[in-house]
Protein backbone atom coordinates (compact mmCIF):
# COMPACT_ATOMS: atom_id res chain seq x y z
CA MET A 1 0.07 -0.39 -0.11
CA LYS A 2 0.85 3.96 -1.05
CA ASN A 3 1.10 6.59 1.92
CA PHE A 4 -0.82 9.61 0.64
CA ILE A 5 -1.36 12.92 3.36
CA ILE A 6 -4.14 15.31 3.03
CA LEU A 7 -3.72 18.45 3.37
CA THR A 8 -7.89 19.97 4.36
CA LYS A 9 -9.55 23.24 4.62
CA TRP A 10 -12.84 23.09 7.16
CA LYS A 11 -15.41 25.25 4.85
CA ASN A 12 -18.11 24.29 7.51
CA LYS A 13 -18.18 23.95 11.61
CA PRO A 14 -19.22 20.20 11.83
CA THR A 15 -22.04 19.17 13.86
CA GLN A 16 -20.96 16.85 17.10
CA GLU A 17 -23.02 13.79 15.57
CA ILE A 18 -21.45 13.76 12.17
CA VAL A 19 -17.71 14.05 14.28
CA GLN A 20 -18.89 11.22 15.90
CA ASN A 21 -18.91 9.77 12.49
CA HIS A 22 -16.14 10.83 11.23
CA ILE A 23 -14.48 9.57 14.99
CA ALA A 24 -15.41 6.36 14.05
CA PHE A 25 -14.93 6.34 10.54
CA LEU A 26 -11.00 7.29 11.25
CA ASP A 27 -11.74 3.85 13.78
CA GLY A 28 -12.83 2.06 10.65
CA LEU A 29 -8.87 2.57 8.68
CA ASN A 30 -6.88 2.07 12.12
CA GLN A 31 -9.08 -1.20 11.92
CA LYS A 32 -8.31 -1.95 8.65
CA GLY A 33 -4.47 -0.70 8.80
CA GLN A 34 -5.05 2.04 6.55
CA TYR A 35 -4.65 4.99 9.70
CA ILE A 36 -1.57 6.54 10.33
CA LEU A 37 -2.55 10.10 11.89
CA ALA A 38 -4.86 12.70 11.88
CA GLY A 39 -5.29 15.95 13.54
CA PRO A 40 -5.39 19.98 12.93
CA TYR A 41 -2.55 21.88 12.87
CA GLY A 42 -1.68 23.27 16.83
CA ASP A 43 0.69 26.38 15.77
CA GLY A 44 -2.39 29.27 16.23
CA VAL A 45 -1.40 29.94 12.73
CA ASP A 46 -4.32 28.45 10.76
CA ASN A 47 -6.79 26.62 12.65
CA GLU A 48 -9.13 26.09 9.79
CA ALA A 49 -6.86 23.56 8.75
CA GLY A 50 -4.71 20.21 9.54
CA VAL A 51 -3.35 16.85 8.38
CA PHE A 52 -4.68 13.58 7.32
CA ILE A 53 -2.03 10.40 6.52
CA PHE A 54 -2.99 7.04 5.78
CA LYS A 55 -2.53 4.46 3.18
CA ALA A 56 -4.75 2.90 -0.38
CA GLU A 57 -3.53 1.18 -2.85
CA SER A 58 -3.35 4.10 -5.23
CA LYS A 59 -4.64 7.69 -5.15
CA GLU A 60 -8.04 7.56 -6.42
CA ASP A 61 -8.02 4.37 -4.39
CA ALA A 62 -6.70 6.51 -1.34
CA GLU A 63 -9.83 9.40 -3.02
CA SER A 64 -12.55 6.96 -2.83
CA ILE A 65 -11.86 6.88 0.47
CA LEU A 66 -11.22 10.04 1.89
CA ASN A 67 -14.93 10.69 -0.07
CA THR A 68 -16.56 8.25 2.39
CA ASP A 69 -15.62 10.48 5.54
CA PRO A 70 -18.20 12.81 6.99
CA PHE A 71 -16.88 15.59 7.59
CA ILE A 72 -16.24 15.41 3.86
CA THR A 73 -19.82 13.51 2.90
CA GLU A 74 -21.48 16.44 5.39
CA GLY A 75 -19.74 19.60 2.94
CA CYS A 76 -17.97 20.37 6.28
CA GLN A 77 -13.67 20.14 4.33
CA GLU A 78 -12.55 20.39 0.84
CA PHE A 79 -9.40 17.99 0.42
CA GLU A 80 -5.76 18.05 -1.65
CA ILE A 81 -4.65 14.57 -2.10
CA ARG A 82 -1.18 13.85 -2.50
CA GLN A 83 0.93 11.03 -2.46
CA LEU A 84 3.75 10.81 0.66
CA MET A 85 7.10 9.10 0.14
CA ILE A 86 8.44 8.45 3.40
CA ALA A 87 11.96 8.27 3.97
CA ASN A 88 12.89 6.51 7.99
CA PRO A 89 15.85 5.61 8.89
CA GLU A 90 15.37 1.85 8.58
CA LYS A 91 15.09 2.42 5.34
CA GLY A 92 17.83 4.39 5.33
CA TYR A 93 16.43 7.93 5.55
CA LYS A 94 15.96 6.58 1.19
CA PRO A 95 12.07 7.68 0.68
CA GLU A 96 9.99 4.14 -0.46
C-alpha cells in the first residue's frame, strides 16, 4: 500500500454527530491498518486546516476512501491529496 497525505480545510463547522461519525470513520481505517495519523494544525497560524495521513492502494482508492469521510460527505471540509514517500531510518532515509 502507498501512503497519502491529505491537506484539509474547513468549509463549515461540523455538528457533534458529524464529529462522532468522523471518529468512527477513522477508527474503521485504523482497524484495517490504514490509518497513520490525523489532526488540526496547532501552531495558531491556521486553525482552519489540518493533515490526515493514511494508506491506500492508489490515489484513486485514497480519494474514494476520503469521499466516505463524514467531514467530506457533509460538506464540512475540502481536501488536497498527495502521495507521500516516507523516508525513515530503517530504509536509510531513502523514500519508499
